[in-house]
């Protein structure tokens, strides 16, 4: 069976060699990302995903701030320099998407639907995955590379202060994106027999 979407899935890879060589206007990129998130599914259509899209000095600020915050977390100066080198790779990208969960909506759902209350935190994480994958794949379709990082919760306070984030927004991931300066390596898959079961 041939499927255009499955072919597109293979284009979505973790691209770490990112650059600033994009031709799209920032406003167009922002609207594109927003639309992908809006159309991603969420439990009860509760739309718990929030996003902040950073360009220019705001994007640079995030990765500089992350480097400053991590200085006290690594065991040696040599390790820190490796960390900074990695972070500079993210800073070399065109922009960054910060993904958040609106915890007020999660709590409200727990109160409104007590039968399912224990599930809403998990479902909000599934909503995050849906939104992130939707954006990532949509970017890939347009020849834009991205990768996904998780420096939260270490950078939560700095991010909240720098970008005026509401207290009920919980940072879940950071996605630098930009021009693809070098492709990803080959992707390995575990054996299907260890991963799937089919009953006919």
N, C-alpha and C. Protein backbone atom coordinates (compact mmCIF):
# COMPACT_ATOMS: atom_id res chain seq x y z
N UNK A 1 0.84 -1.19 0.00
CA UNK A 1 0.00 0.00 0.00
C UNK A 1 0.88 1.25 0.00
N UNK A 2 0.55 2.19 -0.84
CA UNK A 2 1.28 3.46 -0.92
C UNK A 2 0.49 4.52 -0.17
N UNK A 3 1.17 5.33 0.60
CA UNK A 3 0.49 6.35 1.38
C UNK A 3 1.35 7.59 1.45
N UNK A 4 0.79 8.71 1.03
CA UNK A 4 1.54 9.96 1.00
C UNK A 4 1.98 10.39 2.40
N UNK A 5 1.10 10.16 3.39
CA UNK A 5 1.44 10.58 4.74
C UNK A 5 2.59 9.75 5.30
N UNK A 6 2.58 8.44 5.05
CA UNK A 6 3.68 7.60 5.53
C UNK A 6 4.99 8.01 4.87
N UNK A 7 4.94 8.38 3.60
CA UNK A 7 6.15 8.88 2.94
C UNK A 7 6.63 10.17 3.61
N UNK A 8 5.67 11.02 3.98
CA UNK A 8 6.03 12.26 4.65
C UNK A 8 6.62 12.00 6.03
N UNK A 9 6.09 10.99 6.73
CA UNK A 9 6.62 10.65 8.05
C UNK A 9 8.13 10.37 8.00
N UNK A 10 8.56 9.74 6.93
CA UNK A 10 9.98 9.40 6.83
C UNK A 10 10.86 10.63 6.66
N UNK A 11 10.27 11.77 6.26
CA UNK A 11 11.02 13.02 6.12
C UNK A 11 11.20 13.73 7.46
N UNK A 12 10.36 13.40 8.43
CA UNK A 12 10.47 14.04 9.74
C UNK A 12 11.55 13.36 10.54
N UNK A 13 12.65 14.04 10.69
CA UNK A 13 13.78 13.50 11.42
C UNK A 13 14.28 14.54 12.41
N UNK A 14 15.10 14.09 13.36
CA UNK A 14 15.76 15.03 14.27
C UNK A 14 16.96 15.63 13.53
N UNK A 15 16.81 16.90 13.15
CA UNK A 15 17.86 17.61 12.42
C UNK A 15 18.59 18.51 13.40
N UNK A 16 19.89 18.27 13.57
CA UNK A 16 20.67 19.04 14.52
C UNK A 16 21.53 20.10 13.84
N UNK A 17 21.82 19.93 12.56
CA UNK A 17 22.57 20.95 11.82
C UNK A 17 21.57 21.92 11.21
N UNK A 18 21.19 22.91 12.00
CA UNK A 18 20.17 23.87 11.60
C UNK A 18 20.80 25.22 11.34
N UNK A 19 20.21 25.97 10.41
CA UNK A 19 20.70 27.30 10.09
C UNK A 19 19.57 28.31 9.99
N UNK A 20 19.93 29.51 9.58
CA UNK A 20 18.98 30.62 9.52
C UNK A 20 18.55 30.94 8.09
N UNK A 21 18.79 30.01 7.17
CA UNK A 21 18.55 30.27 5.75
C UNK A 21 17.13 29.89 5.33
N UNK A 22 16.16 30.54 5.95
CA UNK A 22 14.76 30.37 5.56
C UNK A 22 14.29 31.60 4.81
N UNK A 23 13.40 31.39 3.86
CA UNK A 23 12.89 32.51 3.05
C UNK A 23 11.51 32.97 3.48
N UNK A 24 10.82 32.17 4.31
CA UNK A 24 9.47 32.54 4.73
C UNK A 24 9.52 33.71 5.72
N UNK A 25 8.49 34.54 5.68
CA UNK A 25 8.37 35.64 6.63
C UNK A 25 8.05 35.07 8.01
N UNK A 26 8.51 35.74 9.06
CA UNK A 26 8.23 35.28 10.42
C UNK A 26 6.74 35.14 10.67
N UNK A 27 5.97 36.09 10.21
CA UNK A 27 4.51 36.05 10.42
C UNK A 27 3.90 34.82 9.76
N UNK A 28 4.39 34.46 8.57
CA UNK A 28 3.88 33.27 7.88
C UNK A 28 4.28 32.00 8.62
N UNK A 29 5.51 31.96 9.10
CA UNK A 29 5.95 30.79 9.86
C UNK A 29 5.13 30.64 11.14
N UNK A 30 4.90 31.74 11.83
CA UNK A 30 4.13 31.69 13.07
C UNK A 30 2.71 31.20 12.80
N UNK A 31 2.07 31.71 11.78
CA UNK A 31 0.70 31.28 11.45
C UNK A 31 0.67 29.81 11.07
N UNK A 32 1.67 29.36 10.35
CA UNK A 32 1.78 27.97 9.93
C UNK A 32 1.88 27.06 11.15
N UNK A 33 2.74 27.42 12.10
CA UNK A 33 2.92 26.64 13.32
C UNK A 33 1.64 26.65 14.15
N UNK A 34 1.04 27.81 14.29
CA UNK A 34 -0.20 27.93 15.05
C UNK A 34 -1.30 27.05 14.46
N UNK A 35 -1.41 27.04 13.14
CA UNK A 35 -2.45 26.24 12.48
C UNK A 35 -2.22 24.75 12.69
N UNK A 36 -0.96 24.32 12.62
CA UNK A 36 -0.66 22.90 12.86
C UNK A 36 -1.06 22.50 14.27
N UNK A 37 -0.80 23.36 15.25
CA UNK A 37 -1.16 23.06 16.64
C UNK A 37 -2.67 23.05 16.80
N UNK A 38 -3.34 24.01 16.21
CA UNK A 38 -4.80 24.10 16.34
C UNK A 38 -5.50 22.87 15.78
N UNK A 39 -4.93 22.27 14.75
CA UNK A 39 -5.56 21.11 14.12
C UNK A 39 -5.12 19.78 14.69
N UNK A 40 -4.22 19.80 15.67
CA UNK A 40 -3.81 18.56 16.33
C UNK A 40 -4.88 18.13 17.32
N UNK A 41 -5.16 16.84 17.43
CA UNK A 41 -6.23 16.38 18.33
C UNK A 41 -5.85 16.47 19.80
N UNK A 42 -6.87 16.68 20.64
CA UNK A 42 -6.69 16.67 22.09
C UNK A 42 -7.90 16.03 22.73
N UNK A 43 -7.71 15.43 23.91
CA UNK A 43 -8.79 14.73 24.60
C UNK A 43 -9.91 15.70 24.93
N UNK A 44 -11.15 15.30 24.64
CA UNK A 44 -12.32 16.13 24.91
C UNK A 44 -12.23 17.47 24.17
N UNK A 45 -11.38 17.54 23.15
CA UNK A 45 -11.09 18.80 22.46
C UNK A 45 -10.75 19.90 23.46
N UNK A 46 -10.00 19.55 24.50
CA UNK A 46 -9.75 20.52 25.57
C UNK A 46 -8.62 21.51 25.25
N UNK A 47 -7.87 21.26 24.18
CA UNK A 47 -6.92 22.24 23.65
C UNK A 47 -6.00 22.79 24.74
N UNK A 48 -5.32 21.89 25.43
CA UNK A 48 -4.45 22.29 26.54
C UNK A 48 -3.07 22.79 26.10
N UNK A 49 -2.72 22.60 24.83
CA UNK A 49 -1.39 22.99 24.36
C UNK A 49 -1.33 24.50 24.13
N UNK A 50 -0.27 25.11 24.64
CA UNK A 50 0.03 26.51 24.39
C UNK A 50 1.43 26.57 23.76
N UNK A 51 1.71 27.62 23.02
CA UNK A 51 3.02 27.72 22.38
C UNK A 51 3.48 29.17 22.35
N UNK A 52 4.77 29.34 22.48
CA UNK A 52 5.43 30.62 22.31
C UNK A 52 6.47 30.43 21.22
N UNK A 53 6.42 31.28 20.21
CA UNK A 53 7.31 31.15 19.05
C UNK A 53 8.32 32.28 19.09
N UNK A 54 9.59 31.91 19.12
CA UNK A 54 10.67 32.88 19.31
C UNK A 54 11.48 33.05 18.03
N UNK A 55 11.69 34.30 17.63
CA UNK A 55 12.55 34.64 16.51
C UNK A 55 13.61 35.63 16.98
N UNK A 56 14.64 35.79 16.15
CA UNK A 56 15.65 36.85 16.34
C UNK A 56 16.24 36.85 17.74
N UNK A 57 16.28 38.02 18.39
CA UNK A 57 16.94 38.12 19.70
C UNK A 57 16.24 37.31 20.77
N UNK A 58 14.95 37.07 20.62
CA UNK A 58 14.22 36.27 21.61
C UNK A 58 14.64 34.81 21.55
N UNK A 59 14.87 34.33 20.33
CA UNK A 59 15.39 32.97 20.14
C UNK A 59 16.81 32.86 20.73
N UNK A 60 17.66 33.81 20.40
CA UNK A 60 19.03 33.80 20.94
C UNK A 60 19.02 33.86 22.46
N UNK A 61 18.14 34.68 23.00
CA UNK A 61 18.05 34.85 24.46
C UNK A 61 17.76 33.52 25.15
N UNK A 62 16.88 32.73 24.56
CA UNK A 62 16.52 31.44 25.17
C UNK A 62 17.75 30.57 25.36
N UNK A 63 18.56 30.44 24.31
CA UNK A 63 19.69 29.51 24.37
C UNK A 63 20.85 30.06 25.18
N UNK A 64 21.01 31.39 25.20
CA UNK A 64 21.99 32.00 26.10
C UNK A 64 21.59 31.79 27.55
N UNK A 65 20.31 31.97 27.82
CA UNK A 65 19.78 31.79 29.17
C UNK A 65 19.92 30.33 29.61
N UNK A 66 19.68 29.41 28.69
CA UNK A 66 19.82 27.99 29.00
C UNK A 66 21.28 27.66 29.32
N UNK A 67 22.19 28.21 28.56
CA UNK A 67 23.61 27.99 28.83
C UNK A 67 23.99 28.50 30.21
N UNK A 68 23.51 29.68 30.56
CA UNK A 68 23.81 30.25 31.89
C UNK A 68 23.25 29.36 33.00
N UNK A 69 22.03 28.88 32.79
CA UNK A 69 21.39 28.06 33.81
C UNK A 69 22.09 26.72 33.99
N UNK A 70 22.61 26.15 32.93
CA UNK A 70 23.23 24.83 33.00
C UNK A 70 24.65 24.85 33.56
N UNK A 71 25.23 26.04 33.68
CA UNK A 71 26.61 26.12 34.14
C UNK A 71 26.80 25.47 35.51
N UNK A 72 25.79 25.60 36.37
CA UNK A 72 25.89 25.03 37.71
C UNK A 72 25.49 23.55 37.76
N UNK A 73 25.06 23.01 36.64
CA UNK A 73 24.55 21.63 36.63
C UNK A 73 25.55 20.62 36.11
N UNK A 74 26.57 21.08 35.41
CA UNK A 74 27.53 20.13 34.82
C UNK A 74 28.75 20.00 35.73
N UNK A 75 29.40 18.83 35.70
CA UNK A 75 30.42 18.53 36.71
C UNK A 75 31.77 19.21 36.52
N UNK A 76 32.06 19.69 35.30
CA UNK A 76 33.39 20.25 35.07
C UNK A 76 33.31 21.31 33.98
N UNK A 77 34.36 22.11 33.88
CA UNK A 77 34.43 23.14 32.84
C UNK A 77 34.46 22.50 31.45
N UNK A 78 35.15 21.38 31.32
CA UNK A 78 35.20 20.69 30.03
C UNK A 78 33.81 20.21 29.62
N UNK A 79 33.08 19.66 30.57
CA UNK A 79 31.72 19.20 30.29
C UNK A 79 30.82 20.39 29.94
N UNK A 80 31.05 21.50 30.63
CA UNK A 80 30.24 22.69 30.35
C UNK A 80 30.51 23.20 28.94
N UNK A 81 31.74 23.19 28.50
CA UNK A 81 32.05 23.66 27.15
C UNK A 81 31.38 22.78 26.09
N UNK A 82 31.29 21.48 26.36
CA UNK A 82 30.57 20.59 25.45
C UNK A 82 29.08 20.93 25.43
N UNK A 83 28.55 21.25 26.60
CA UNK A 83 27.15 21.65 26.70
C UNK A 83 26.89 22.93 25.92
N UNK A 84 27.77 23.91 26.08
CA UNK A 84 27.63 25.18 25.36
C UNK A 84 27.70 24.96 23.85
N UNK A 85 28.59 24.08 23.43
CA UNK A 85 28.70 23.77 22.00
C UNK A 85 27.39 23.20 21.47
N UNK A 86 26.79 22.32 22.24
CA UNK A 86 25.50 21.74 21.84
C UNK A 86 24.43 22.81 21.78
N UNK A 87 24.38 23.66 22.80
CA UNK A 87 23.37 24.72 22.84
C UNK A 87 23.56 25.73 21.72
N UNK A 88 24.81 25.98 21.35
CA UNK A 88 25.08 26.89 20.23
C UNK A 88 24.54 26.34 18.92
N UNK A 89 24.47 25.01 18.82
CA UNK A 89 23.85 24.39 17.65
C UNK A 89 22.37 24.73 17.58
N UNK A 90 21.70 24.75 18.72
CA UNK A 90 20.28 25.13 18.75
C UNK A 90 20.13 26.63 18.48
N UNK A 91 21.04 27.42 19.01
CA UNK A 91 21.01 28.86 18.80
C UNK A 91 21.24 29.20 17.33
N UNK A 92 21.96 28.36 16.61
CA UNK A 92 22.22 28.60 15.18
C UNK A 92 20.96 28.44 14.33
N UNK A 93 19.92 27.86 14.90
CA UNK A 93 18.67 27.68 14.18
C UNK A 93 17.99 29.02 13.93
N UNK A 94 16.93 28.99 13.17
CA UNK A 94 16.20 30.21 12.81
C UNK A 94 15.30 30.69 13.94
N UNK A 95 14.66 29.74 14.63
CA UNK A 95 13.73 30.09 15.70
C UNK A 95 13.51 28.90 16.62
N UNK A 96 12.71 29.12 17.64
CA UNK A 96 12.39 28.06 18.60
C UNK A 96 10.92 28.15 18.99
N UNK A 97 10.30 26.99 19.09
CA UNK A 97 8.93 26.91 19.61
C UNK A 97 9.00 26.36 21.02
N UNK A 98 8.40 27.06 21.95
CA UNK A 98 8.25 26.57 23.32
C UNK A 98 6.84 26.02 23.47
N UNK A 99 6.75 24.77 23.91
CA UNK A 99 5.46 24.12 24.09
C UNK A 99 5.10 24.09 25.58
N UNK A 100 3.87 24.48 25.89
CA UNK A 100 3.38 24.51 27.27
C UNK A 100 2.06 23.76 27.36
N UNK A 101 1.74 23.33 28.58
CA UNK A 101 0.41 22.80 28.90
C UNK A 101 -0.29 23.79 29.83
N UNK A 102 -1.53 24.11 29.51
CA UNK A 102 -2.34 24.97 30.38
C UNK A 102 -2.89 24.09 31.51
N UNK A 103 -2.27 24.17 32.67
CA UNK A 103 -2.66 23.29 33.78
C UNK A 103 -4.01 23.66 34.36
N UNK A 104 -4.47 24.89 34.15
CA UNK A 104 -5.81 25.27 34.63
C UNK A 104 -6.88 24.46 33.93
N UNK A 105 -6.70 24.23 32.63
CA UNK A 105 -7.69 23.44 31.90
C UNK A 105 -7.64 21.99 32.35
N UNK A 106 -6.45 21.47 32.58
CA UNK A 106 -6.34 20.09 33.08
C UNK A 106 -7.09 19.95 34.41
N UNK A 107 -6.86 20.88 35.32
CA UNK A 107 -7.54 20.85 36.63
C UNK A 107 -9.04 21.00 36.48
N UNK A 108 -9.47 21.87 35.57
CA UNK A 108 -10.91 22.06 35.36
C UNK A 108 -11.54 20.79 34.80
N UNK A 109 -10.86 20.13 33.87
CA UNK A 109 -11.37 18.86 33.34
C UNK A 109 -11.47 17.81 34.43
N UNK A 110 -10.49 17.77 35.31
CA UNK A 110 -10.52 16.81 36.41
C UNK A 110 -11.73 17.04 37.30
N UNK A 111 -12.07 18.30 37.52
CA UNK A 111 -13.24 18.62 38.35
C UNK A 111 -14.55 18.36 37.61
N UNK A 112 -14.57 18.66 36.31
CA UNK A 112 -15.81 18.52 35.54
C UNK A 112 -16.13 17.07 35.20
N UNK A 113 -15.11 16.24 35.06
CA UNK A 113 -15.31 14.85 34.66
C UNK A 113 -14.60 13.93 35.64
N UNK A 114 -15.13 13.83 36.87
CA UNK A 114 -14.43 13.08 37.92
C UNK A 114 -14.18 11.61 37.57
N UNK A 115 -15.04 11.02 36.74
CA UNK A 115 -14.84 9.62 36.36
C UNK A 115 -13.51 9.42 35.65
N UNK A 116 -13.05 10.46 34.94
CA UNK A 116 -11.81 10.36 34.16
C UNK A 116 -10.69 11.22 34.75
N UNK A 117 -10.89 11.70 35.96
CA UNK A 117 -9.96 12.69 36.53
C UNK A 117 -8.51 12.22 36.51
N UNK A 118 -8.30 10.94 36.78
CA UNK A 118 -6.92 10.43 36.85
C UNK A 118 -6.22 10.41 35.50
N UNK A 119 -6.97 10.62 34.41
CA UNK A 119 -6.41 10.49 33.07
C UNK A 119 -6.00 11.81 32.44
N UNK A 120 -6.51 12.93 32.93
CA UNK A 120 -6.34 14.17 32.17
C UNK A 120 -4.90 14.64 32.09
N UNK A 121 -4.09 14.39 33.10
CA UNK A 121 -2.67 14.77 33.02
C UNK A 121 -1.98 13.96 31.92
N UNK A 122 -2.27 12.65 31.87
CA UNK A 122 -1.71 11.82 30.80
C UNK A 122 -2.22 12.27 29.44
N UNK A 123 -3.51 12.57 29.36
CA UNK A 123 -4.08 12.98 28.09
C UNK A 123 -3.50 14.31 27.62
N UNK A 124 -3.17 15.18 28.55
CA UNK A 124 -2.55 16.44 28.15
C UNK A 124 -1.16 16.19 27.55
N UNK A 125 -0.45 15.19 28.07
CA UNK A 125 0.84 14.83 27.49
C UNK A 125 0.67 14.24 26.09
N UNK A 126 -0.39 13.46 25.91
CA UNK A 126 -0.68 12.94 24.58
C UNK A 126 -0.99 14.09 23.62
N UNK A 127 -1.70 15.09 24.12
CA UNK A 127 -1.98 16.28 23.31
C UNK A 127 -0.70 17.00 22.91
N UNK A 128 0.26 17.04 23.85
CA UNK A 128 1.57 17.62 23.53
C UNK A 128 2.23 16.85 22.39
N UNK A 129 2.22 15.52 22.51
CA UNK A 129 2.84 14.71 21.46
C UNK A 129 2.18 14.93 20.11
N UNK A 130 0.86 14.99 20.12
CA UNK A 130 0.13 15.23 18.86
C UNK A 130 0.51 16.57 18.26
N UNK A 131 0.55 17.62 19.08
CA UNK A 131 0.86 18.95 18.57
C UNK A 131 2.30 19.04 18.07
N UNK A 132 3.23 18.50 18.86
CA UNK A 132 4.64 18.56 18.47
C UNK A 132 4.89 17.78 17.19
N UNK A 133 4.30 16.61 17.09
CA UNK A 133 4.49 15.80 15.89
C UNK A 133 3.86 16.47 14.68
N UNK A 134 2.70 17.09 14.87
CA UNK A 134 2.03 17.78 13.76
C UNK A 134 2.90 18.91 13.23
N UNK A 135 3.44 19.72 14.13
CA UNK A 135 4.30 20.83 13.70
C UNK A 135 5.56 20.30 13.05
N UNK A 136 6.19 19.34 13.69
CA UNK A 136 7.46 18.78 13.20
C UNK A 136 7.30 18.23 11.79
N UNK A 137 6.22 17.48 11.57
CA UNK A 137 6.00 16.87 10.26
C UNK A 137 5.63 17.92 9.22
N UNK A 138 4.83 18.91 9.61
CA UNK A 138 4.47 19.98 8.69
C UNK A 138 5.70 20.79 8.29
N UNK A 139 6.58 21.05 9.24
CA UNK A 139 7.83 21.74 8.90
C UNK A 139 8.65 20.91 7.92
N UNK A 140 8.76 19.61 8.19
CA UNK A 140 9.54 18.73 7.31
C UNK A 140 8.99 18.73 5.89
N UNK A 141 7.67 18.76 5.77
CA UNK A 141 7.06 18.78 4.43
C UNK A 141 7.50 20.01 3.64
N UNK A 142 7.82 21.08 4.35
CA UNK A 142 8.23 22.32 3.71
C UNK A 142 9.74 22.52 3.71
N UNK A 143 10.49 21.44 3.97
CA UNK A 143 11.93 21.49 3.90
C UNK A 143 12.59 22.22 5.05
N UNK A 144 11.89 22.31 6.18
CA UNK A 144 12.42 22.97 7.37
C UNK A 144 12.75 21.91 8.41
N UNK A 145 13.96 21.96 8.94
CA UNK A 145 14.40 20.98 9.92
C UNK A 145 14.05 21.40 11.34
N UNK A 146 13.99 20.43 12.24
CA UNK A 146 13.69 20.71 13.65
C UNK A 146 14.19 19.55 14.50
N UNK A 147 14.34 19.82 15.79
CA UNK A 147 14.57 18.75 16.76
C UNK A 147 13.84 19.14 18.04
N UNK A 148 13.74 18.21 18.97
CA UNK A 148 12.97 18.44 20.18
C UNK A 148 13.85 18.30 21.40
N UNK A 149 13.81 19.30 22.28
CA UNK A 149 14.64 19.32 23.47
C UNK A 149 13.78 19.44 24.73
N UNK A 150 14.37 19.09 25.87
CA UNK A 150 13.64 19.12 27.14
C UNK A 150 14.57 19.65 28.24
N UNK A 151 14.81 20.94 28.22
CA UNK A 151 15.60 21.58 29.27
C UNK A 151 14.71 22.05 30.42
N UNK A 152 13.42 21.86 30.28
CA UNK A 152 12.50 22.06 31.39
C UNK A 152 12.68 20.87 32.35
N UNK A 153 12.54 21.04 33.64
CA UNK A 153 12.11 22.25 34.34
C UNK A 153 13.26 23.19 34.73
N UNK A 154 14.50 22.87 34.38
CA UNK A 154 15.62 23.70 34.81
C UNK A 154 15.46 25.16 34.36
N UNK A 155 14.89 25.36 33.17
CA UNK A 155 14.80 26.72 32.65
C UNK A 155 13.43 27.35 32.84
N UNK A 156 12.53 26.67 33.54
CA UNK A 156 11.16 27.16 33.66
C UNK A 156 11.08 28.58 34.20
N UNK A 157 11.78 28.86 35.28
CA UNK A 157 11.68 30.18 35.91
C UNK A 157 12.22 31.27 34.99
N UNK A 158 13.34 31.00 34.36
CA UNK A 158 13.91 31.98 33.44
C UNK A 158 13.02 32.25 32.25
N UNK A 159 12.44 31.19 31.69
CA UNK A 159 11.52 31.33 30.56
C UNK A 159 10.29 32.14 30.96
N UNK A 160 9.73 31.81 32.11
CA UNK A 160 8.54 32.51 32.58
C UNK A 160 8.79 34.00 32.72
N UNK A 161 9.95 34.35 33.26
CA UNK A 161 10.28 35.76 33.47
C UNK A 161 10.59 36.46 32.15
N UNK A 162 11.35 35.81 31.28
CA UNK A 162 11.79 36.43 30.04
C UNK A 162 10.64 36.68 29.07
N UNK A 163 9.66 35.78 29.05
CA UNK A 163 8.62 35.85 28.03
C UNK A 163 7.23 36.05 28.62
N UNK A 164 7.16 36.47 29.86
CA UNK A 164 5.88 36.81 30.51
C UNK A 164 4.87 35.66 30.40
N UNK A 165 5.30 34.48 30.86
CA UNK A 165 4.48 33.27 30.76
C UNK A 165 3.52 33.20 31.95
N UNK A 166 2.24 32.95 31.71
CA UNK A 166 1.29 32.81 32.82
C UNK A 166 1.69 31.67 33.76
N UNK A 167 1.35 31.81 35.02
CA UNK A 167 1.75 30.82 36.03
C UNK A 167 1.15 29.45 35.76
N UNK A 168 0.02 29.40 35.08
CA UNK A 168 -0.66 28.13 34.82
C UNK A 168 -0.16 27.44 33.55
N UNK A 169 0.83 28.01 32.87
CA UNK A 169 1.43 27.37 31.70
C UNK A 169 2.68 26.61 32.16
N UNK A 170 2.70 25.31 31.91
CA UNK A 170 3.83 24.47 32.30
C UNK A 170 4.65 24.11 31.06
N UNK A 171 5.93 24.46 31.08
CA UNK A 171 6.80 24.19 29.93
C UNK A 171 7.02 22.69 29.78
N UNK A 172 6.84 22.19 28.56
CA UNK A 172 6.99 20.76 28.30
C UNK A 172 8.10 20.43 27.31
N UNK A 173 8.44 21.36 26.39
CA UNK A 173 9.49 21.04 25.41
C UNK A 173 9.90 22.30 24.66
N UNK A 174 11.08 22.19 24.03
CA UNK A 174 11.61 23.27 23.21
C UNK A 174 11.98 22.70 21.85
N UNK A 175 11.53 23.36 20.78
CA UNK A 175 11.78 22.86 19.43
C UNK A 175 12.49 23.91 18.58
N UNK A 176 13.82 23.87 18.49
CA UNK A 176 14.51 24.74 17.54
C UNK A 176 14.24 24.28 16.11
N UNK A 177 14.11 25.23 15.19
CA UNK A 177 13.83 24.89 13.79
C UNK A 177 14.58 25.87 12.89
N UNK A 178 14.85 25.41 11.67
CA UNK A 178 15.56 26.27 10.73
C UNK A 178 15.88 25.53 9.45
N UNK A 179 16.76 26.14 8.67
CA UNK A 179 17.18 25.50 7.43
C UNK A 179 18.00 24.26 7.74
N UNK A 180 17.89 23.28 6.85
CA UNK A 180 18.60 22.02 7.03
C UNK A 180 20.00 22.16 6.42
N UNK A 181 21.00 22.24 7.29
CA UNK A 181 22.38 22.41 6.83
C UNK A 181 23.09 21.08 6.63
N UNK A 182 22.59 20.03 7.25
CA UNK A 182 23.08 18.67 7.04
C UNK A 182 21.97 17.72 7.46
N UNK A 183 21.80 16.65 6.70
CA UNK A 183 20.71 15.73 6.97
C UNK A 183 20.99 14.82 8.17
N UNK A 184 19.95 14.11 8.56
CA UNK A 184 20.08 13.14 9.65
C UNK A 184 20.74 11.87 9.12
N UNK A 185 21.30 11.09 10.03
CA UNK A 185 21.87 9.81 9.65
C UNK A 185 20.79 8.77 9.42
N UNK A 186 21.22 7.56 9.10
CA UNK A 186 20.27 6.48 8.89
C UNK A 186 19.53 6.18 10.18
N UNK A 187 18.27 5.85 10.06
CA UNK A 187 17.44 5.53 11.22
C UNK A 187 17.32 4.02 11.34
N UNK A 188 17.60 3.51 12.53
CA UNK A 188 17.50 2.07 12.77
C UNK A 188 16.18 1.75 13.46
N UNK A 189 15.63 0.62 13.12
CA UNK A 189 14.37 0.17 13.71
C UNK A 189 14.57 -1.17 14.39
N UNK A 190 13.96 -1.35 15.54
CA UNK A 190 14.00 -2.65 16.19
C UNK A 190 13.17 -3.65 15.39
N UNK A 191 13.35 -4.93 15.64
CA UNK A 191 12.64 -5.96 14.90
C UNK A 191 11.14 -5.84 15.12
N UNK A 192 10.36 -5.96 14.04
CA UNK A 192 8.91 -5.85 14.13
C UNK A 192 8.33 -6.88 15.10
N UNK A 193 8.93 -8.07 15.13
CA UNK A 193 8.40 -9.13 15.99
C UNK A 193 8.51 -8.78 17.47
N UNK A 194 9.45 -7.91 17.82
CA UNK A 194 9.61 -7.48 19.21
C UNK A 194 8.70 -6.31 19.56
N UNK A 195 8.03 -5.76 18.56
CA UNK A 195 7.30 -4.52 18.75
C UNK A 195 5.80 -4.63 18.51
N UNK A 196 5.41 -5.53 17.63
CA UNK A 196 4.01 -5.60 17.21
C UNK A 196 3.45 -7.00 17.38
N UNK A 197 2.13 -7.03 17.61
CA UNK A 197 1.37 -8.29 17.57
C UNK A 197 0.15 -8.06 16.72
N UNK A 198 -0.13 -9.00 15.85
CA UNK A 198 -1.30 -8.91 14.98
C UNK A 198 -2.11 -10.18 15.13
N UNK A 199 -3.40 -10.03 15.41
CA UNK A 199 -4.31 -11.18 15.54
C UNK A 199 -5.34 -11.10 14.42
N UNK A 200 -5.45 -12.19 13.64
CA UNK A 200 -6.40 -12.21 12.51
C UNK A 200 -7.44 -13.30 12.70
